[in-house]
Every structure is written in C-alpha cells, then in structure tokens.
Amino acid sequence: MVEFFAAIGALHGFIQFCLVMLAGCVLRVILLVISRFYRVVMVTARGWPPDHLDADGDWKPEPEKEAQP
C-alpha cells in the first residue's frame, strides 16, 4: 500500500489533481445515493406532505385566530 501512495506522489501534479477530483466525484455520487434513499424511506414512513407544509412543499400559513372579547 505504501508503494501505491509513493507512486501517486511521483506523478505529475496535474494527474494528482485529477485523481483527487475523481475520488471527490465518486464520493459525492455515493453520498447522494445514500441521502436520496434515506429521503425515500422517510417519506414512505411518514408520508408527504408533513403537517407543517402544503402539497407543494411551502410553509402553511398559520390559521387566523379570532380575537377574544
């Protein structure tokens, strides 16, 4: 494993940059898939929309309270 990192260190700086960016993109896709799966599970379990939102996801206005005499 040490030889692998030594070989990467011996590469040109631009190639190192490309490898880091590629690793970042792969990690981002993995995290996006996990977060979307988690969202699907939560919407399935709790339903949509939540009580505090209307059908398109906007905040519901608070109901007007009648003035107490």
PDB file of N, CA and C in Angstrom:
ATOM      1  N   MET A   1       0.826  -1.190   0.000  1.00  0.00           N
ATOM      2  CA  MET A   1       0.000   0.000   0.000  1.00  0.00           C
ATOM      3  C   MET A   1       0.871   1.255   0.000  1.00  0.00           C
ATOM      4  N   VAL A   2       1.981   1.207   0.709  1.00  0.00           N
ATOM      5  CA  VAL A   2       2.891   2.347   0.746  1.00  0.00           C
ATOM      6  C   VAL A   2       3.454   2.607  -0.641  1.00  0.00           C
ATOM      7  N   GLU A   3       3.725   1.543  -1.379  1.00  0.00           N
ATOM      8  CA  GLU A   3       4.261   1.717  -2.718  1.00  0.00           C
ATOM      9  C   GLU A   3       3.254   2.420  -3.623  1.00  0.00           C
ATOM     10  N   PHE A   4       1.992   2.125  -3.407  1.00  0.00           N
ATOM     11  CA  PHE A   4       0.941   2.758  -4.206  1.00  0.00           C
ATOM     12  C   PHE A   4       0.943   4.269  -3.998  1.00  0.00           C
ATOM     13  N   PHE A   5       0.965   4.703  -2.727  1.00  0.00           N
ATOM     14  CA  PHE A   5       0.964   6.136  -2.449  1.00  0.00           C
ATOM     15  C   PHE A   5       2.266   6.797  -2.881  1.00  0.00           C
ATOM     16  N   ALA A   6       3.375   6.074  -2.812  1.00  0.00           N
ATOM     17  CA  ALA A   6       4.643   6.612  -3.290  1.00  0.00           C
ATOM     18  C   ALA A   6       4.594   6.800  -4.805  1.00  0.00           C
ATOM     19  N   ALA A   7       3.957   5.880  -5.503  1.00  0.00           N
ATOM     20  CA  ALA A   7       3.830   6.005  -6.951  1.00  0.00           C
ATOM     21  C   ALA A   7       2.944   7.189  -7.315  1.00  0.00           C
ATOM     22  N   ILE A   8       1.864   7.385  -6.570  1.00  0.00           N
ATOM     23  CA  ILE A   8       0.990   8.534  -6.819  1.00  0.00           C
ATOM     24  C   ILE A   8       1.752   9.833  -6.548  1.00  0.00           C
ATOM     25  N   GLY A   9       2.553   9.842  -5.484  1.00  0.00           N
ATOM     26  CA  GLY A   9       3.340  11.025  -5.159  1.00  0.00           C
ATOM     27  C   GLY A   9       4.362  11.355  -6.225  1.00  0.00           C
ATOM     28  N   ALA A  10       4.809  10.348  -6.967  1.00  0.00           N
ATOM     29  CA  ALA A  10       5.791  10.564  -8.011  1.00  0.00           C
ATOM     30  C   ALA A  10       5.163  11.084  -9.298  1.00  0.00           C
ATOM     31  N   LEU A  11       3.830  11.050  -9.380  1.00  0.00           N
ATOM     32  CA  LEU A  11       3.155  11.514 -10.592  1.00  0.00           C
ATOM     33  C   LEU A  11       3.199  13.031 -10.691  1.00  0.00           C
ATOM     34  N   HIS A  12       2.897  13.487 -11.849  1.00  0.00           N
ATOM     35  CA  HIS A  12       2.830  14.927 -12.109  1.00  0.00           C
ATOM     36  C   HIS A  12       1.685  15.539 -11.284  1.00  0.00           C
ATOM     37  N   GLY A  13       1.801  16.782 -10.893  1.00  0.00           N
ATOM     38  CA  GLY A  13       0.807  17.446 -10.048  1.00  0.00           C
ATOM     39  C   GLY A  13      -0.577  17.484 -10.652  1.00  0.00           C
ATOM     40  N   PHE A  14      -0.677  17.667 -11.966  1.00  0.00           N
ATOM     41  CA  PHE A  14      -1.991  17.706 -12.604  1.00  0.00           C
ATOM     42  C   PHE A  14      -2.693  16.364 -12.519  1.00  0.00           C
ATOM     43  N   ILE A  15      -1.935  15.290 -12.669  1.00  0.00           N
ATOM     44  CA  ILE A  15      -2.524  13.954 -12.566  1.00  0.00           C
ATOM     45  C   ILE A  15      -3.011  13.715 -11.142  1.00  0.00           C
ATOM     46  N   GLN A  16      -2.270  14.172 -10.147  1.00  0.00           N
ATOM     47  CA  GLN A  16      -2.715  14.069  -8.757  1.00  0.00           C
ATOM     48  C   GLN A  16      -4.018  14.830  -8.569  1.00  0.00           C
ATOM     49  N   PHE A  17      -4.084  16.038  -9.120  1.00  0.00           N
ATOM     50  CA  PHE A  17      -5.298  16.838  -9.022  1.00  0.00           C
ATOM     51  C   PHE A  17      -6.482  16.109  -9.641  1.00  0.00           C
ATOM     52  N   CYS A  18      -6.280  15.514 -10.809  1.00  0.00           N
ATOM     53  CA  CYS A  18      -7.361  14.772 -11.482  1.00  0.00           C
ATOM     54  C   CYS A  18      -7.816  13.577 -10.648  1.00  0.00           C
ATOM     55  N   LEU A  19      -6.865  12.872 -10.042  1.00  0.00           N
ATOM     56  CA  LEU A  19      -7.227  11.725  -9.214  1.00  0.00           C
ATOM     57  C   LEU A  19      -8.025  12.141  -7.984  1.00  0.00           C
ATOM     58  N   VAL A  20      -7.635  13.255  -7.362  1.00  0.00           N
ATOM     59  CA  VAL A  20      -8.369  13.750  -6.191  1.00  0.00           C
ATOM     60  C   VAL A  20      -9.771  14.192  -6.598  1.00  0.00           C
ATOM     61  N   MET A  21      -9.899  14.885  -7.716  1.00  0.00           N
ATOM     62  CA  MET A  21     -11.217  15.322  -8.178  1.00  0.00           C
ATOM     63  C   MET A  21     -12.100  14.123  -8.524  1.00  0.00           C
ATOM     64  N   LEU A  22     -11.523  13.112  -9.141  1.00  0.00           N
ATOM     65  CA  LEU A  22     -12.278  11.902  -9.464  1.00  0.00           C
ATOM     66  C   LEU A  22     -12.771  11.213  -8.198  1.00  0.00           C
ATOM     67  N   ALA A  23     -11.903  11.107  -7.206  1.00  0.00           N
ATOM     68  CA  ALA A  23     -12.304  10.500  -5.933  1.00  0.00           C
ATOM     69  C   ALA A  23     -13.407  11.311  -5.272  1.00  0.00           C
ATOM     70  N   GLY A  24     -13.326  12.642  -5.350  1.00  0.00           N
ATOM     71  CA  GLY A  24     -14.359  13.501  -4.784  1.00  0.00           C
ATOM     72  C   GLY A  24     -15.693  13.323  -5.484  1.00  0.00           C
ATOM     73  N   CYS A  25     -15.674  13.202  -6.801  1.00  0.00           N
ATOM     74  CA  CYS A  25     -16.915  12.995  -7.554  1.00  0.00           C
ATOM     75  C   CYS A  25     -17.549  11.652  -7.214  1.00  0.00           C
ATOM     76  N   VAL A  26     -16.732  10.625  -7.101  1.00  0.00           N
ATOM     77  CA  VAL A  26     -17.249   9.298  -6.743  1.00  0.00           C
ATOM     78  C   VAL A  26     -17.877   9.341  -5.350  1.00  0.00           C
ATOM     79  N   LEU A  27     -17.203   9.989  -4.413  1.00  0.00           N
ATOM     80  CA  LEU A  27     -17.740  10.099  -3.058  1.00  0.00           C
ATOM     81  C   LEU A  27     -19.042  10.890  -3.038  1.00  0.00           C
ATOM     82  N   ARG A  28     -19.107  11.949  -3.832  1.00  0.00           N
ATOM     83  CA  ARG A  28     -20.334  12.748  -3.878  1.00  0.00           C
ATOM     84  C   ARG A  28     -21.512  11.938  -4.408  1.00  0.00           C
ATOM     85  N   VAL A  29     -21.285  11.146  -5.452  1.00  0.00           N
ATOM     86  CA  VAL A  29     -22.355  10.314  -6.004  1.00  0.00           C
ATOM     87  C   VAL A  29     -22.811   9.284  -4.978  1.00  0.00           C
ATOM     88  N   ILE A  30     -21.890   8.681  -4.280  1.00  0.00           N
ATOM     89  CA  ILE A  30     -22.245   7.687  -3.254  1.00  0.00           C
ATOM     90  C   ILE A  30     -23.088   8.330  -2.165  1.00  0.00           C
ATOM     91  N   LEU A  31     -22.673   9.506  -1.686  1.00  0.00           N
ATOM     92  CA  LEU A  31     -23.429  10.187  -0.639  1.00  0.00           C
ATOM     93  C   LEU A  31     -24.791  10.656  -1.141  1.00  0.00           C
ATOM     94  N   LEU A  32     -24.880  11.059  -2.408  1.00  0.00           N
ATOM     95  CA  LEU A  32     -26.164  11.467  -2.975  1.00  0.00           C
ATOM     96  C   LEU A  32     -27.133  10.288  -3.030  1.00  0.00           C
ATOM     97  N   VAL A  33     -26.647   9.133  -3.438  1.00  0.00           N
ATOM     98  CA  VAL A  33     -27.495   7.940  -3.491  1.00  0.00           C
ATOM     99  C   VAL A  33     -27.982   7.575  -2.094  1.00  0.00           C
ATOM    100  N   ILE A  34     -27.102   7.643  -1.106  1.00  0.00           N
ATOM    101  CA  ILE A  34     -27.488   7.312   0.265  1.00  0.00           C
ATOM    102  C   ILE A  34     -28.525   8.300   0.781  1.00  0.00           C
ATOM    103  N   SER A  35     -28.325   9.609   0.531  1.00  0.00           N
ATOM    104  CA  SER A  35     -29.268  10.601   1.036  1.00  0.00           C
ATOM    105  C   SER A  35     -30.630  10.486   0.363  1.00  0.00           C
ATOM    106  N   ARG A  36     -30.653  10.208  -0.933  1.00  0.00           N
ATOM    107  CA  ARG A  36     -31.945  10.046  -1.631  1.00  0.00           C
ATOM    108  C   ARG A  36     -32.667   8.797  -1.134  1.00  0.00           C
ATOM    109  N   PHE A  37     -31.924   7.733  -0.887  1.00  0.00           N
ATOM    110  CA  PHE A  37     -32.548   6.526  -0.356  1.00  0.00           C
ATOM    111  C   PHE A  37     -33.147   6.803   1.026  1.00  0.00           C
ATOM    112  N   TYR A  38     -32.398   7.537   1.854  1.00  0.00           N
ATOM    113  CA  TYR A  38     -32.892   7.891   3.183  1.00  0.00           C
ATOM    114  C   TYR A  38     -34.158   8.747   3.072  1.00  0.00           C
ATOM    115  N   ARG A  39     -34.190   9.671   2.109  1.00  0.00           N
ATOM    116  CA  ARG A  39     -35.381  10.511   1.916  1.00  0.00           C
ATOM    117  C   ARG A  39     -36.577   9.668   1.498  1.00  0.00           C
ATOM    118  N   VAL A  40     -36.361   8.701   0.610  1.00  0.00           N
ATOM    119  CA  VAL A  40     -37.450   7.815   0.180  1.00  0.00           C
ATOM    120  C   VAL A  40     -38.009   7.045   1.371  1.00  0.00           C
ATOM    121  N   VAL A  41     -37.129   6.546   2.217  1.00  0.00           N
ATOM    122  CA  VAL A  41     -37.568   5.790   3.393  1.00  0.00           C
ATOM    123  C   VAL A  41     -38.387   6.685   4.322  1.00  0.00           C
ATOM    124  N   MET A  42     -37.934   7.911   4.564  1.00  0.00           N
ATOM    125  CA  MET A  42     -38.644   8.815   5.472  1.00  0.00           C
ATOM    126  C   MET A  42     -40.003   9.226   4.915  1.00  0.00           C
ATOM    127  N   VAL A  43     -40.087   9.524   3.610  1.00  0.00           N
ATOM    128  CA  VAL A  43     -41.367   9.902   3.015  1.00  0.00           C
ATOM    129  C   VAL A  43     -42.320   8.717   3.029  1.00  0.00           C
ATOM    130  N   THR A  44     -41.800   7.529   2.792  1.00  0.00           N
ATOM    131  CA  THR A  44     -42.641   6.338   2.830  1.00  0.00           C
ATOM    132  C   THR A  44     -43.168   6.086   4.232  1.00  0.00           C
ATOM    133  N   ALA A  45     -42.331   6.275   5.233  1.00  0.00           N
ATOM    134  CA  ALA A  45     -42.732   6.009   6.606  1.00  0.00           C
ATOM    135  C   ALA A  45     -43.656   7.082   7.157  1.00  0.00           C
ATOM    136  N   ARG A  46     -43.376   8.360   6.845  1.00  0.00           N
ATOM    137  CA  ARG A  46     -44.112   9.461   7.467  1.00  0.00           C
ATOM    138  C   ARG A  46     -45.120  10.122   6.544  1.00  0.00           C
ATOM    139  N   GLY A  47     -45.056   9.841   5.267  1.00  0.00           N
ATOM    140  CA  GLY A  47     -45.982  10.432   4.310  1.00  0.00           C
ATOM    141  C   GLY A  47     -45.533  11.809   3.849  1.00  0.00           C
ATOM    142  N   TRP A  48     -46.217  12.280   2.802  1.00  0.00           N
ATOM    143  CA  TRP A  48     -45.930  13.608   2.271  1.00  0.00           C
ATOM    144  C   TRP A  48     -47.240  14.294   1.997  1.00  0.00           C
ATOM    145  N   PRO A  49     -47.439  15.502   2.279  1.00  0.00           N
ATOM    146  CA  PRO A  49     -46.515  16.430   2.915  1.00  0.00           C
ATOM    147  C   PRO A  49     -46.609  16.336   4.432  1.00  0.00           C
ATOM    148  N   PRO A  50     -45.589  16.792   5.136  1.00  0.00           N
ATOM    149  CA  PRO A  50     -45.676  16.860   6.592  1.00  0.00           C
ATOM    150  C   PRO A  50     -46.765  17.849   7.008  1.00  0.00           C
ATOM    151  N   ASP A  51     -47.149  17.807   8.257  1.00  0.00           N
ATOM    152  CA  ASP A  51     -48.251  18.633   8.733  1.00  0.00           C
ATOM    153  C   ASP A  51     -48.004  20.128   8.572  1.00  0.00           C
ATOM    154  N   HIS A  52     -46.754  20.565   8.647  1.00  0.00           N
ATOM    155  CA  HIS A  52     -46.458  21.997   8.597  1.00  0.00           C
ATOM    156  C   HIS A  52     -46.264  22.527   7.172  1.00  0.00           C
ATOM    157  N   LEU A  53     -46.399  21.665   6.133  1.00  0.00           N
ATOM    158  CA  LEU A  53     -46.229  22.088   4.743  1.00  0.00           C
ATOM    159  C   LEU A  53     -47.496  21.832   3.949  1.00  0.00           C
ATOM    160  N   ASP A  54     -47.708  22.641   2.873  1.00  0.00           N
ATOM    161  CA  ASP A  54     -48.816  22.340   1.980  1.00  0.00           C
ATOM    162  C   ASP A  54     -48.348  21.346   0.914  1.00  0.00           C
ATOM    163  N   ALA A  55     -49.188  21.059  -0.088  1.00  0.00           N
ATOM    164  CA  ALA A  55     -48.905  19.975  -1.026  1.00  0.00           C
ATOM    165  C   ALA A  55     -47.645  20.177  -1.853  1.00  0.00           C
ATOM    166  N   ASP A  56     -47.281  21.422  -2.164  1.00  0.00           N
ATOM    167  CA  ASP A  56     -46.080  21.638  -2.983  1.00  0.00           C
ATOM    168  C   ASP A  56     -44.841  21.956  -2.160  1.00  0.00           C
ATOM    169  N   GLY A  57     -44.906  21.806  -0.839  1.00  0.00           N
ATOM    170  CA  GLY A  57     -43.723  21.943  -0.001  1.00  0.00           C
ATOM    171  C   GLY A  57     -43.517  23.309   0.608  1.00  0.00           C
ATOM    172  N   ASP A  58     -44.469  24.243   0.397  1.00  0.00           N
ATOM    173  CA  ASP A  58     -44.358  25.562   1.014  1.00  0.00           C
ATOM    174  C   ASP A  58     -44.896  25.509   2.441  1.00  0.00           C
ATOM    175  N   TRP A  59     -44.414  26.442   3.267  1.00  0.00           N
ATOM    176  CA  TRP A  59     -44.899  26.514   4.645  1.00  0.00           C
ATOM    177  C   TRP A  59     -46.366  26.911   4.636  1.00  0.00           C
ATOM    178  N   LYS A  60     -47.176  26.232   5.447  1.00  0.00           N
ATOM    179  CA  LYS A  60     -48.584  26.593   5.579  1.00  0.00           C
ATOM    180  C   LYS A  60     -48.688  27.870   6.401  1.00  0.00           C
ATOM    181  N   PRO A  61     -49.599  28.756   6.003  1.00  0.00           N
ATOM    182  CA  PRO A  61     -49.813  29.923   6.855  1.00  0.00           C
ATOM    183  C   PRO A  61     -50.502  29.492   8.150  1.00  0.00           C
ATOM    184  N   GLU A  62     -50.183  30.201   9.208  1.00  0.00           N
ATOM    185  CA  GLU A  62     -50.831  29.867  10.478  1.00  0.00           C
ATOM    186  C   GLU A  62     -52.293  30.296  10.397  1.00  0.00           C
ATOM    187  N   PRO A  63     -53.200  29.491  10.957  1.00  0.00           N
ATOM    188  CA  PRO A  63     -54.616  29.879  10.902  1.00  0.00           C
ATOM    189  C   PRO A  63     -54.852  31.150  11.706  1.00  0.00           C
ATOM    190  N   GLU A  64     -55.756  31.975  11.176  1.00  0.00           N
ATOM    191  CA  GLU A  64     -56.073  33.227  11.862  1.00  0.00           C
ATOM    192  C   GLU A  64     -56.863  32.910  13.124  1.00  0.00           C
ATOM    193  N   LYS A  65     -56.447  33.503  14.214  1.00  0.00           N
ATOM    194  CA  LYS A  65     -57.143  33.294  15.482  1.00  0.00           C
ATOM    195  C   LYS A  65     -58.149  34.434  15.666  1.00  0.00           C
ATOM    196  N   GLU A  66     -59.324  34.056  16.115  1.00  0.00           N
ATOM    197  CA  GLU A  66     -60.335  35.072  16.361  1.00  0.00           C
ATOM    198  C   GLU A  66     -60.002  35.808  17.641  1.00  0.00           C
ATOM    199  N   ALA A  67     -60.271  37.100  17.631  1.00  0.00           N
ATOM    200  CA  ALA A  67     -59.965  37.916  18.811  1.00  0.00           C
ATOM    201  C   ALA A  67     -60.931  37.563  19.928  1.00  0.00           C
ATOM    202  N   GLN A  68     -60.395  37.407  21.118  1.00  0.00           N
ATOM    203  CA  GLN A  68     -61.195  37.104  22.307  1.00  0.00           C
ATOM    204  C   GLN A  68     -61.740  38.421  22.872  1.00  0.00           C
ATOM    205  N   PRO A  69     -63.042  38.508  23.121  1.00  0.00           N
ATOM    206  CA  PRO A  69     -63.584  39.762  23.703  1.00  0.00           C
ATOM    207  C   PRO A  69     -63.205  39.929  25.156  1.00  0.00           C
TER     208      PRO A  69
END
